[in-house]
Amino acid sequence: MNDDEVYAVQLAVDEACTNIIEHGYGGEGLGEITCSCTPKASGLEIVLTDHGKAFDPGKVPEPKVSGPLEELGSRGAGIYLMKKLMDEVDFEFDEKSGTSLTMFKQKKSQ
């Protein structure tokens, strides 16, 4: 992957983990996050799993990105950013196995 793609993956994973800590667990040190990275021929798959509070990502409103940064809402900006940075973003919820966030970044032809 090129430097821009690597940066996009790092930023998306950081944002996802921040969301899990803040919204899923309600603070630092209150739960675990499991991360797995699987290289694929066409890119990189990242799966983050947690047992925090489940939510419906379809009910999280998209932020208003057309105005000044200070007017950007605190809800939905993280998911919006992840979707902009990654090629695929998928949430799955299961009572026993928790929440799984699968993200995929396709590498550009080199």
PDB file of N, CA and C in Angstrom:
ATOM      1  N   MET A   1       0.848  -1.174   0.000  1.00  0.00           N
ATOM      2  CA  MET A   1       0.000   0.000   0.000  1.00  0.00           C
ATOM      3  C   MET A   1       0.894   1.237   0.000  1.00  0.00           C
ATOM      4  N   ASN A   2       0.393   2.307  -0.621  1.00  0.00           N
ATOM      5  CA  ASN A   2       1.180   3.540  -0.620  1.00  0.00           C
ATOM      6  C   ASN A   2       0.964   4.305   0.701  1.00  0.00           C
ATOM      7  N   ASP A   3       1.718   5.361   0.897  1.00  0.00           N
ATOM      8  CA  ASP A   3       1.668   6.111   2.160  1.00  0.00           C
ATOM      9  C   ASP A   3       0.275   6.676   2.449  1.00  0.00           C
ATOM     10  N   ASP A   4      -0.427   7.160   1.432  1.00  0.00           N
ATOM     11  CA  ASP A   4      -1.777   7.707   1.633  1.00  0.00           C
ATOM     12  C   ASP A   4      -2.747   6.636   2.092  1.00  0.00           C
ATOM     13  N   GLU A   5      -2.635   5.447   1.517  1.00  0.00           N
ATOM     14  CA  GLU A   5      -3.522   4.347   1.902  1.00  0.00           C
ATOM     15  C   GLU A   5      -3.238   3.891   3.331  1.00  0.00           C
ATOM     16  N   VAL A   6      -1.968   3.803   3.683  1.00  0.00           N
ATOM     17  CA  VAL A   6      -1.589   3.424   5.044  1.00  0.00           C
ATOM     18  C   VAL A   6      -2.105   4.454   6.045  1.00  0.00           C
ATOM     19  N   TYR A   7      -1.964   5.723   5.728  1.00  0.00           N
ATOM     20  CA  TYR A   7      -2.457   6.783   6.610  1.00  0.00           C
ATOM     21  C   TYR A   7      -3.981   6.690   6.772  1.00  0.00           C
ATOM     22  N   ALA A   8      -4.699   6.433   5.683  1.00  0.00           N
ATOM     23  CA  ALA A   8      -6.155   6.307   5.741  1.00  0.00           C
ATOM     24  C   ALA A   8      -6.561   5.160   6.660  1.00  0.00           C
ATOM     25  N   VAL A   9      -5.857   4.035   6.569  1.00  0.00           N
ATOM     26  CA  VAL A   9      -6.154   2.885   7.438  1.00  0.00           C
ATOM     27  C   VAL A   9      -5.878   3.245   8.894  1.00  0.00           C
ATOM     28  N   GLN A  10      -4.731   3.859   9.161  1.00  0.00           N
ATOM     29  CA  GLN A  10      -4.385   4.238  10.535  1.00  0.00           C
ATOM     30  C   GLN A  10      -5.423   5.190  11.126  1.00  0.00           C
ATOM     31  N   LEU A  11      -5.828   6.176  10.351  1.00  0.00           N
ATOM     32  CA  LEU A  11      -6.799   7.160  10.835  1.00  0.00           C
ATOM     33  C   LEU A  11      -8.159   6.521  11.075  1.00  0.00           C
ATOM     34  N   ALA A  12      -8.594   5.651  10.170  1.00  0.00           N
ATOM     35  CA  ALA A  12      -9.895   4.983  10.329  1.00  0.00           C
ATOM     36  C   ALA A  12      -9.898   4.077  11.555  1.00  0.00           C
ATOM     37  N   VAL A  13      -8.823   3.335  11.778  1.00  0.00           N
ATOM     38  CA  VAL A  13      -8.737   2.441  12.944  1.00  0.00           C
ATOM     39  C   VAL A  13      -8.687   3.267  14.224  1.00  0.00           C
ATOM     40  N   ASP A  14      -7.939   4.347  14.223  1.00  0.00           N
ATOM     41  CA  ASP A  14      -7.882   5.221  15.394  1.00  0.00           C
ATOM     42  C   ASP A  14      -9.258   5.788  15.724  1.00  0.00           C
ATOM     43  N   GLU A  15      -9.966   6.233  14.713  1.00  0.00           N
ATOM     44  CA  GLU A  15     -11.303   6.794  14.920  1.00  0.00           C
ATOM     45  C   GLU A  15     -12.265   5.730  15.423  1.00  0.00           C
ATOM     46  N   ALA A  16     -12.188   4.540  14.846  1.00  0.00           N
ATOM     47  CA  ALA A  16     -13.063   3.443  15.276  1.00  0.00           C
ATOM     48  C   ALA A  16     -12.803   3.076  16.738  1.00  0.00           C
ATOM     49  N   CYS A  17     -11.524   2.973  17.114  1.00  0.00           N
ATOM     50  CA  CYS A  17     -11.196   2.636  18.497  1.00  0.00           C
ATOM     51  C   CYS A  17     -11.639   3.728  19.468  1.00  0.00           C
ATOM     52  N   THR A  18     -11.476   4.979  19.059  1.00  0.00           N
ATOM     53  CA  THR A  18     -11.947   6.093  19.885  1.00  0.00           C
ATOM     54  C   THR A  18     -13.452   5.995  20.096  1.00  0.00           C
ATOM     55  N   ASN A  19     -14.195   5.689  19.036  1.00  0.00           N
ATOM     56  CA  ASN A  19     -15.651   5.535  19.156  1.00  0.00           C
ATOM     57  C   ASN A  19     -16.019   4.390  20.088  1.00  0.00           C
ATOM     58  N   ILE A  20     -15.316   3.264  19.965  1.00  0.00           N
ATOM     59  CA  ILE A  20     -15.590   2.117  20.836  1.00  0.00           C
ATOM     60  C   ILE A  20     -15.355   2.491  22.291  1.00  0.00           C
ATOM     61  N   ILE A  21     -14.222   3.137  22.561  1.00  0.00           N
ATOM     62  CA  ILE A  21     -13.892   3.519  23.937  1.00  0.00           C
ATOM     63  C   ILE A  21     -14.911   4.506  24.488  1.00  0.00           C
ATOM     64  N   GLU A  22     -15.215   5.558  23.736  1.00  0.00           N
ATOM     65  CA  GLU A  22     -16.108   6.606  24.232  1.00  0.00           C
ATOM     66  C   GLU A  22     -17.573   6.180  24.267  1.00  0.00           C
ATOM     67  N   HIS A  23     -18.059   5.602  23.159  1.00  0.00           N
ATOM     68  CA  HIS A  23     -19.492   5.323  23.050  1.00  0.00           C
ATOM     69  C   HIS A  23     -19.864   3.895  23.454  1.00  0.00           C
ATOM     70  N   GLY A  24     -18.981   2.937  23.178  1.00  0.00           N
ATOM     71  CA  GLY A  24     -19.278   1.552  23.510  1.00  0.00           C
ATOM     72  C   GLY A  24     -19.034   1.232  24.970  1.00  0.00           C
ATOM     73  N   TYR A  25     -17.898   1.691  25.491  1.00  0.00           N
ATOM     74  CA  TYR A  25     -17.520   1.384  26.866  1.00  0.00           C
ATOM     75  C   TYR A  25     -17.724   2.544  27.833  1.00  0.00           C
ATOM     76  N   GLY A  26     -17.846   3.743  27.342  1.00  0.00           N
ATOM     77  CA  GLY A  26     -18.060   4.889  28.221  1.00  0.00           C
ATOM     78  C   GLY A  26     -16.794   5.400  28.883  1.00  0.00           C
ATOM     79  N   GLY A  27     -15.645   5.053  28.356  1.00  0.00           N
ATOM     80  CA  GLY A  27     -14.394   5.575  28.900  1.00  0.00           C
ATOM     81  C   GLY A  27     -13.247   4.597  28.748  1.00  0.00           C
ATOM     82  N   GLU A  28     -12.048   5.080  29.029  1.00  0.00           N
ATOM     83  CA  GLU A  28     -10.844   4.271  28.886  1.00  0.00           C
ATOM     84  C   GLU A  28     -10.743   3.214  29.969  1.00  0.00           C
ATOM     85  N   GLY A  29     -10.159   2.070  29.616  1.00  0.00           N
ATOM     86  CA  GLY A  29      -9.881   1.017  30.590  1.00  0.00           C
ATOM     87  C   GLY A  29     -11.101   0.242  31.045  1.00  0.00           C
ATOM     88  N   LEU A  30     -12.228   0.368  30.334  1.00  0.00           N
ATOM     89  CA  LEU A  30     -13.463  -0.286  30.778  1.00  0.00           C
ATOM     90  C   LEU A  30     -13.836  -1.487  29.919  1.00  0.00           C
ATOM     91  N   GLY A  31     -13.002  -1.860  28.979  1.00  0.00           N
ATOM     92  CA  GLY A  31     -13.293  -3.004  28.122  1.00  0.00           C
ATOM     93  C   GLY A  31     -12.160  -3.232  27.148  1.00  0.00           C
ATOM     94  N   GLU A  32     -12.249  -4.340  26.437  1.00  0.00           N
ATOM     95  CA  GLU A  32     -11.198  -4.706  25.501  1.00  0.00           C
ATOM     96  C   GLU A  32     -11.643  -4.505  24.057  1.00  0.00           C
ATOM     97  N   ILE A  33     -10.667  -4.270  23.204  1.00  0.00           N
ATOM     98  CA  ILE A  33     -10.878  -4.207  21.760  1.00  0.00           C
ATOM     99  C   ILE A  33      -9.900  -5.197  21.141  1.00  0.00           C
ATOM    100  N   THR A  34     -10.427  -6.100  20.341  1.00  0.00           N
ATOM    101  CA  THR A  34      -9.580  -7.040  19.615  1.00  0.00           C
ATOM    102  C   THR A  34      -9.441  -6.544  18.189  1.00  0.00           C
ATOM    103  N   CYS A  35      -8.216  -6.540  17.678  1.00  0.00           N
ATOM    104  CA  CYS A  35      -7.952  -6.074  16.319  1.00  0.00           C
ATOM    105  C   CYS A  35      -7.241  -7.173  15.548  1.00  0.00           C
ATOM    106  N   SER A  36      -7.770  -7.475  14.372  1.00  0.00           N
ATOM    107  CA  SER A  36      -7.067  -8.400  13.482  1.00  0.00           C
ATOM    108  C   SER A  36      -6.929  -7.735  12.121  1.00  0.00           C
ATOM    109  N   CYS A  37      -5.770  -7.931  11.516  1.00  0.00           N
ATOM    110  CA  CYS A  37      -5.476  -7.378  10.199  1.00  0.00           C
ATOM    111  C   CYS A  37      -5.122  -8.539   9.279  1.00  0.00           C
ATOM    112  N   THR A  38      -5.791  -8.594   8.145  1.00  0.00           N
ATOM    113  CA  THR A  38      -5.561  -9.666   7.192  1.00  0.00           C
ATOM    114  C   THR A  38      -5.205  -9.078   5.837  1.00  0.00           C
ATOM    115  N   PRO A  39      -3.960  -9.271   5.417  1.00  0.00           N
ATOM    116  CA  PRO A  39      -3.597  -8.805   4.078  1.00  0.00           C
ATOM    117  C   PRO A  39      -4.305  -9.654   3.019  1.00  0.00           C
ATOM    118  N   LYS A  40      -4.823  -8.994   2.028  1.00  0.00           N
ATOM    119  CA  LYS A  40      -5.470  -9.662   0.891  1.00  0.00           C
ATOM    120  C   LYS A  40      -4.736  -9.228  -0.370  1.00  0.00           C
ATOM    121  N   ALA A  41      -4.934  -9.966  -1.445  1.00  0.00           N
ATOM    122  CA  ALA A  41      -4.279  -9.605  -2.708  1.00  0.00           C
ATOM    123  C   ALA A  41      -4.669  -8.201  -3.157  1.00  0.00           C
ATOM    124  N   SER A  42      -5.908  -7.809  -2.863  1.00  0.00           N
ATOM    125  CA  SER A  42      -6.401  -6.514  -3.330  1.00  0.00           C
ATOM    126  C   SER A  42      -6.339  -5.403  -2.288  1.00  0.00           C
ATOM    127  N   GLY A  43      -5.909  -5.722  -1.058  1.00  0.00           N
ATOM    128  CA  GLY A  43      -5.854  -4.685  -0.045  1.00  0.00           C
ATOM    129  C   GLY A  43      -5.684  -5.246   1.351  1.00  0.00           C
ATOM    130  N   LEU A  44      -6.267  -4.575   2.333  1.00  0.00           N
ATOM    131  CA  LEU A  44      -6.122  -4.944   3.734  1.00  0.00           C
ATOM    132  C   LEU A  44      -7.487  -4.940   4.413  1.00  0.00           C
ATOM    133  N   GLU A  45      -7.763  -6.021   5.151  1.00  0.00           N
ATOM    134  CA  GLU A  45      -8.999  -6.125   5.932  1.00  0.00           C
ATOM    135  C   GLU A  45      -8.651  -5.988   7.408  1.00  0.00           C
ATOM    136  N   ILE A  46      -9.382  -5.129   8.095  1.00  0.00           N
ATOM    137  CA  ILE A  46      -9.213  -4.914   9.529  1.00  0.00           C
ATOM    138  C   ILE A  46     -10.531  -5.233  10.204  1.00  0.00           C
ATOM    139  N   VAL A  47     -10.477  -6.049  11.268  1.00  0.00           N
ATOM    140  CA  VAL A  47     -11.674  -6.362  12.041  1.00  0.00           C
ATOM    141  C   VAL A  47     -11.424  -5.954  13.486  1.00  0.00           C
ATOM    142  N   LEU A  48     -12.288  -5.074  13.997  1.00  0.00           N
ATOM    143  CA  LEU A  48     -12.255  -4.664  15.397  1.00  0.00           C
ATOM    144  C   LEU A  48     -13.466  -5.280  16.083  1.00  0.00           C
ATOM    145  N   THR A  49     -13.236  -5.941  17.214  1.00  0.00           N
ATOM    146  CA  THR A  49     -14.322  -6.580  17.956  1.00  0.00           C
ATOM    147  C   THR A  49     -14.324  -6.049  19.380  1.00  0.00           C
ATOM    148  N   ASP A  50     -15.518  -5.756  19.884  1.00  0.00           N
ATOM    149  CA  ASP A  50     -15.643  -5.281  21.258  1.00  0.00           C
ATOM    150  C   ASP A  50     -16.938  -5.825  21.852  1.00  0.00           C
ATOM    151  N   HIS A  51     -17.086  -5.646  23.176  1.00  0.00           N
ATOM    152  CA  HIS A  51     -18.297  -6.067  23.881  1.00  0.00           C
ATOM    153  C   HIS A  51     -18.956  -4.873  24.573  1.00  0.00           C
ATOM    154  N   GLY A  52     -18.787  -3.714  23.968  1.00  0.00           N
ATOM    155  CA  GLY A  52     -19.410  -2.500  24.501  1.00  0.00           C
ATOM    156  C   GLY A  52     -20.884  -2.441  24.129  1.00  0.00           C
ATOM    157  N   LYS A  53     -21.496  -1.308  24.421  1.00  0.00           N
ATOM    158  CA  LYS A  53     -22.908  -1.094  24.138  1.00  0.00           C
ATOM    159  C   LYS A  53     -23.145  -1.108  22.629  1.00  0.00           C
ATOM    160  N   ALA A  54     -24.087  -1.942  22.180  1.00  0.00           N
ATOM    161  CA  ALA A  54     -24.412  -2.036  20.753  1.00  0.00           C
ATOM    162  C   ALA A  54     -25.207  -0.799  20.320  1.00  0.00           C
ATOM    163  N   PHE A  55     -25.188  -0.531  19.033  1.00  0.00           N
ATOM    164  CA  PHE A  55     -25.933   0.600  18.490  1.00  0.00           C
ATOM    165  C   PHE A  55     -26.299   0.286  17.048  1.00  0.00           C
ATOM    166  N   ASP A  56     -27.202   1.078  16.509  1.00  0.00           N
ATOM    167  CA  ASP A  56     -27.616   0.925  15.115  1.00  0.00           C
ATOM    168  C   ASP A  56     -26.938   2.023  14.307  1.00  0.00           C
ATOM    169  N   PRO A  57     -25.911   1.681  13.496  1.00  0.00           N
ATOM    170  CA  PRO A  57     -25.217   2.728  12.747  1.00  0.00           C
ATOM    171  C   PRO A  57     -26.125   3.447  11.745  1.00  0.00           C
ATOM    172  N   GLY A  58     -27.216   2.806  11.335  1.00  0.00           N
ATOM    173  CA  GLY A  58     -28.160   3.441  10.424  1.00  0.00           C
ATOM    174  C   GLY A  58     -28.928   4.584  11.068  1.00  0.00           C
ATOM    175  N   LYS A  59     -28.955   4.615  12.393  1.00  0.00           N
ATOM    176  CA  LYS A  59     -29.657   5.676  13.118  1.00  0.00           C
ATOM    177  C   LYS A  59     -28.749   6.832  13.523  1.00  0.00           C
ATOM    178  N   VAL A  60     -27.460   6.701  13.220  1.00  0.00           N
ATOM    179  CA  VAL A  60     -26.533   7.784  13.529  1.00  0.00           C
ATOM    180  C   VAL A  60     -26.586   8.771  12.366  1.00  0.00           C
ATOM    181  N   PRO A  61     -26.996  10.010  12.633  1.00  0.00           N
ATOM    182  CA  PRO A  61     -27.123  10.985  11.539  1.00  0.00           C
ATOM    183  C   PRO A  61     -25.764  11.364  10.953  1.00  0.00           C
ATOM    184  N   GLU A  62     -25.764  11.614   9.644  1.00  0.00           N
ATOM    185  CA  GLU A  62     -24.530  12.097   9.017  1.00  0.00           C
ATOM    186  C   GLU A  62     -24.258  13.510   9.504  1.00  0.00           C
ATOM    187  N   PRO A  63     -23.003  13.827   9.738  1.00  0.00           N
ATOM    188  CA  PRO A  63     -22.680  15.181  10.207  1.00  0.00           C
ATOM    189  C   PRO A  63     -22.849  16.200   9.082  1.00  0.00           C
ATOM    190  N   LYS A  64     -23.018  17.437   9.483  1.00  0.00           N
ATOM    191  CA  LYS A  64     -23.085  18.537   8.522  1.00  0.00           C
ATOM    192  C   LYS A  64     -21.658  18.947   8.215  1.00  0.00           C
ATOM    193  N   VAL A  65     -21.171  18.530   7.051  1.00  0.00           N
ATOM    194  CA  VAL A  65     -19.766  18.777   6.717  1.00  0.00           C
ATOM    195  C   VAL A  65     -19.571  20.006   5.844  1.00  0.00           C
ATOM    196  N   SER A  66     -20.637  20.694   5.527  1.00  0.00           N
ATOM    197  CA  SER A  66     -20.511  21.850   4.645  1.00  0.00           C
ATOM    198  C   SER A  66     -20.188  23.146   5.390  1.00  0.00           C
ATOM    199  N   GLY A  67     -20.326  23.154   6.704  1.00  0.00           N
ATOM    200  CA  GLY A  67     -20.075  24.371   7.469  1.00  0.00           C
ATOM    201  C   GLY A  67     -18.707  24.374   8.109  1.00  0.00           C
ATOM    202  N   PRO A  68     -18.468  25.332   8.993  1.00  0.00           N
ATOM    203  CA  PRO A  68     -17.190  25.418   9.705  1.00  0.00           C
ATOM    204  C   PRO A  68     -16.957  24.186  10.585  1.00  0.00           C
ATOM    205  N   LEU A  69     -15.693  23.819  10.782  1.00  0.00           N
ATOM    206  CA  LEU A  69     -15.330  22.641  11.550  1.00  0.00           C
ATOM    207  C   LEU A  69     -15.896  22.677  12.964  1.00  0.00           C
ATOM    208  N   GLU A  70     -15.915  23.858  13.581  1.00  0.00           N
ATOM    209  CA  GLU A  70     -16.420  23.953  14.963  1.00  0.00           C
ATOM    210  C   GLU A  70     -17.922  23.684  15.059  1.00  0.00           C
ATOM    211  N   GLU A  71     -18.629  23.710  13.943  1.00  0.00           N
ATOM    212  CA  GLU A  71     -20.059  23.399  13.943  1.00  0.00           C
ATOM    213  C   GLU A  71     -20.341  21.938  13.640  1.00  0.00           C
ATOM    214  N   LEU A  72     -19.293  21.166  13.383  1.00  0.00           N
ATOM    215  CA  LEU A  72     -19.450  19.740  13.117  1.00  0.00           C
ATOM    216  C   LEU A  72     -19.969  19.068  14.374  1.00  0.00           C
ATOM    217  N   GLY A  73     -21.038  18.323  14.253  1.00  0.00           N
ATOM    218  CA  GLY A  73     -21.633  17.661  15.413  1.00  0.00           C
ATOM    219  C   GLY A  73     -20.740  16.575  15.972  1.00  0.00           C
ATOM    220  N   SER A  74     -20.990  16.226  17.221  1.00  0.00           N
ATOM    221  CA  SER A  74     -20.184  15.191  17.871  1.00  0.00           C
ATOM    222  C   SER A  74     -20.699  13.794  17.548  1.00  0.00           C
ATOM    223  N   ARG A  75     -21.850  13.682  16.937  1.00  0.00           N
ATOM    224  CA  ARG A  75     -22.412  12.369  16.610  1.00  0.00           C
ATOM    225  C   ARG A  75     -22.331  12.142  15.111  1.00  0.00           C
ATOM    226  N   GLY A  76     -21.784  10.985  14.747  1.00  0.00           N
ATOM    227  CA  GLY A  76     -21.766  10.593  13.351  1.00  0.00           C
ATOM    228  C   GLY A  76     -20.526  10.960  12.591  1.00  0.00           C
ATOM    229  N   ALA A  77     -19.700  11.844  13.131  1.00  0.00           N
ATOM    230  CA  ALA A  77     -18.505  12.264  12.404  1.00  0.00           C
ATOM    231  C   ALA A  77     -17.516  11.121  12.250  1.00  0.00           C
ATOM    232  N   GLY A  78     -17.389  10.279  13.253  1.00  0.00           N
ATOM    233  CA  GLY A  78     -16.448   9.165  13.201  1.00  0.00           C
ATOM    234  C   GLY A  78     -16.816   8.149  12.142  1.00  0.00           C
ATOM    235  N   ILE A  79     -18.076   7.759  12.107  1.00  0.00           N
ATOM    236  CA  ILE A  79     -18.539   6.800  11.110  1.00  0.00           C
ATOM    237  C   ILE A  79     -18.411   7.403   9.720  1.00  0.00           C
ATOM    238  N   TYR A  80     -18.761   8.651   9.580  1.00  0.00           N
ATOM    239  CA  TYR A  80     -18.635   9.346   8.305  1.00  0.00           C
ATOM    240  C   TYR A  80     -17.181   9.320   7.833  1.00  0.00           C
ATOM    241  N   LEU A  81     -16.261   9.638   8.728  1.00  0.00           N
ATOM    242  CA  LEU A  81     -14.848   9.661   8.391  1.00  0.00           C
ATOM    243  C   LEU A  81     -14.365   8.267   7.981  1.00  0.00           C
ATOM    244  N   MET A  82     -14.753   7.244   8.738  1.00  0.00           N
ATOM    245  CA  MET A  82     -14.349   5.874   8.402  1.00  0.00           C
ATOM    246  C   MET A  82     -14.840   5.486   7.007  1.00  0.00           C
ATOM    247  N   LYS A  83     -16.066   5.851   6.701  1.00  0.00           N
ATOM    248  CA  LYS A  83     -16.628   5.511   5.387  1.00  0.00           C
ATOM    249  C   LYS A  83     -15.935   6.260   4.260  1.00  0.00           C
ATOM    250  N   LYS A  84     -15.490   7.478   4.537  1.00  0.00           N
ATOM    251  CA  LYS A  84     -14.770   8.251   3.526  1.00  0.00           C
ATOM    252  C   LYS A  84     -13.352   7.713   3.306  1.00  0.00           C
ATOM    253  N   LEU A  85     -12.723   7.238   4.372  1.00  0.00           N
ATOM    254  CA  LEU A  85     -11.347   6.775   4.293  1.00  0.00           C
ATOM    255  C   LEU A  85     -11.204   5.351   3.750  1.00  0.00           C
ATOM    256  N   MET A  86     -12.186   4.505   4.065  1.00  0.00           N
ATOM    257  CA  MET A  86     -12.101   3.090   3.722  1.00  0.00           C
ATOM    258  C   MET A  86     -13.044   2.766   2.555  1.00  0.00           C
ATOM    259  N   ASP A  87     -12.766   1.668   1.874  1.00  0.00           N
ATOM    260  CA  ASP A  87     -13.608   1.264   0.747  1.00  0.00           C
ATOM    261  C   ASP A  87     -14.834   0.483   1.200  1.00  0.00           C
ATOM    262  N   GLU A  88     -14.737  -0.206   2.331  1.00  0.00           N
ATOM    263  CA  GLU A  88     -15.871  -0.944   2.887  1.00  0.00           C
ATOM    264  C   GLU A  88     -15.865  -0.777   4.400  1.00  0.00           C
ATOM    265  N   VAL A  89     -17.047  -0.561   4.970  1.00  0.00           N
ATOM    266  CA  VAL A  89     -17.218  -0.451   6.417  1.00  0.00           C
ATOM    267  C   VAL A  89     -18.498  -1.196   6.755  1.00  0.00           C
ATOM    268  N   ASP A  90     -18.387  -2.235   7.590  1.00  0.00           N
ATOM    269  CA  ASP A  90     -19.544  -3.066   7.895  1.00  0.00           C
ATOM    270  C   ASP A  90     -19.582  -3.384   9.389  1.00  0.00           C
ATOM    271  N   PHE A  91     -20.731  -3.131  10.011  1.00  0.00           N
ATOM    272  CA  PHE A  91     -20.934  -3.442  11.422  1.00  0.00           C
ATOM    273  C   PHE A  91     -21.802  -4.692  11.552  1.00  0.00           C
ATOM    274  N   GLU A  92     -21.434  -5.573  12.490  1.00  0.00           N
ATOM    275  CA  GLU A  92     -22.256  -6.735  12.814  1.00  0.00           C
ATOM    276  C   GLU A  92     -22.365  -6.810  14.329  1.00  0.00           C
ATOM    277  N   PHE A  93     -23.575  -7.157  14.795  1.00  0.00           N
ATOM    278  CA  PHE A  93     -23.826  -7.214  16.232  1.00  0.00           C
ATOM    279  C   PHE A  93     -24.330  -8.597  16.611  1.00  0.00           C
ATOM    280  N   ASP A  94     -23.776  -9.154  17.691  1.00  0.00           N
ATOM    281  CA  ASP A  94     -24.192 -10.455  18.198  1.00  0.00           C
ATOM    282  C   ASP A  94     -24.078 -10.409  19.717  1.00  0.00           C
ATOM    283  N   GLU A  95     -25.109 -10.879  20.413  1.00  0.00           N
ATOM    284  CA  GLU A  95     -25.095 -10.804  21.877  1.00  0.00           C
ATOM    285  C   GLU A  95     -23.905 -11.528  22.482  1.00  0.00           C
ATOM    286  N   LYS A  96     -23.535 -12.673  21.929  1.00  0.00           N
ATOM    287  CA  LYS A  96     -22.438 -13.456  22.500  1.00  0.00           C
ATOM    288  C   LYS A  96     -21.066 -12.967  22.049  1.00  0.00           C
ATOM    289  N   SER A  97     -20.907 -12.711  20.761  1.00  0.00           N
ATOM    290  CA  SER A  97     -19.583 -12.356  20.256  1.00  0.00           C
ATOM    291  C   SER A  97     -19.329 -10.852  20.228  1.00  0.00           C
ATOM    292  N   GLY A  98     -20.336 -10.040  20.508  1.00  0.00           N
ATOM    293  CA  GLY A  98     -20.157  -8.598  20.579  1.00  0.00           C
ATOM    294  C   GLY A  98     -20.320  -7.906  19.236  1.00  0.00           C
ATOM    295  N   THR A  99     -19.728  -6.746  19.146  1.00  0.00           N
ATOM    296  CA  THR A  99     -19.788  -5.941  17.929  1.00  0.00           C
ATOM    297  C   THR A  99     -18.518  -6.175  17.121  1.00  0.00           C
ATOM    298  N   SER A 100     -18.703  -6.423  15.834  1.00  0.00           N
ATOM    299  CA  SER A 100     -17.562  -6.552  14.926  1.00  0.00           C
ATOM    300  C   SER A 100     -17.667  -5.462  13.871  1.00  0.00           C
ATOM    301  N   LEU A 101     -16.598  -4.723  13.727  1.00  0.00           N
ATOM    302  CA  LEU A 101     -16.490  -3.718  12.686  1.00  0.00           C
ATOM    303  C   LEU A 101     -15.438  -4.207  11.705  1.00  0.00           C
ATOM    304  N   THR A 102     -15.868  -4.455  10.479  1.00  0.00           N
ATOM    305  CA  THR A 102     -14.946  -4.899   9.435  1.00  0.00           C
ATOM    306  C   THR A 102     -14.756  -3.755   8.454  1.00  0.00           C
ATOM    307  N   MET A 103     -13.502  -3.398   8.239  1.00  0.00           N
ATOM    308  CA  MET A 103     -13.171  -2.342   7.284  1.00  0.00           C
ATOM    309  C   MET A 103     -12.185  -2.902   6.275  1.00  0.00           C
ATOM    310  N   PHE A 104     -12.325  -2.462   5.036  1.00  0.00           N
ATOM    311  CA  PHE A 104     -11.426  -2.920   3.982  1.00  0.00           C
ATOM    312  C   PHE A 104     -10.912  -1.730   3.201  1.00  0.00           C
ATOM    313  N   LYS A 105      -9.599  -1.722   2.984  1.00  0.00           N
ATOM    314  CA  LYS A 105      -8.970  -0.673   2.173  1.00  0.00           C
ATOM    315  C   LYS A 105      -8.328  -1.351   0.972  1.00  0.00           C
ATOM    316  N   GLN A 106      -8.790  -0.967  -0.190  1.00  0.00           N
ATOM    317  CA  GLN A 106      -8.255  -1.516  -1.430  1.00  0.00           C
ATOM    318  C   GLN A 106      -6.982  -0.772  -1.790  1.00  0.00           C
ATOM    319  N   LYS A 107      -5.957  -1.529  -2.181  1.00  0.00           N
ATOM    320  CA  LYS A 107      -4.724  -0.854  -2.584  1.00  0.00           C
ATOM    321  C   LYS A 107      -4.810  -0.509  -4.067  1.00  0.00           C
ATOM    322  N   LYS A 108      -4.227   0.624  -4.370  1.00  0.00           N
ATOM    323  CA  LYS A 108      -4.200   1.063  -5.759  1.00  0.00           C
ATOM    324  C   LYS A 108      -3.155   0.259  -6.521  1.00  0.00           C
ATOM    325  N   SER A 109      -3.358   0.107  -7.798  1.00  0.00           N
ATOM    326  CA  SER A 109      -2.373  -0.602  -8.624  1.00  0.00           C
ATOM    327  C   SER A 109      -1.066   0.155  -8.597  1.00  0.00           C
ATOM    328  N   GLN A 110       0.010  -0.589  -8.502  1.00  0.00           N
ATOM    329  CA  GLN A 110       1.325   0.066  -8.427  1.00  0.00           C
ATOM    330  C   GLN A 110       2.152  -0.252  -9.629  1.00  0.00           C
TER     331      GLN A 110
END
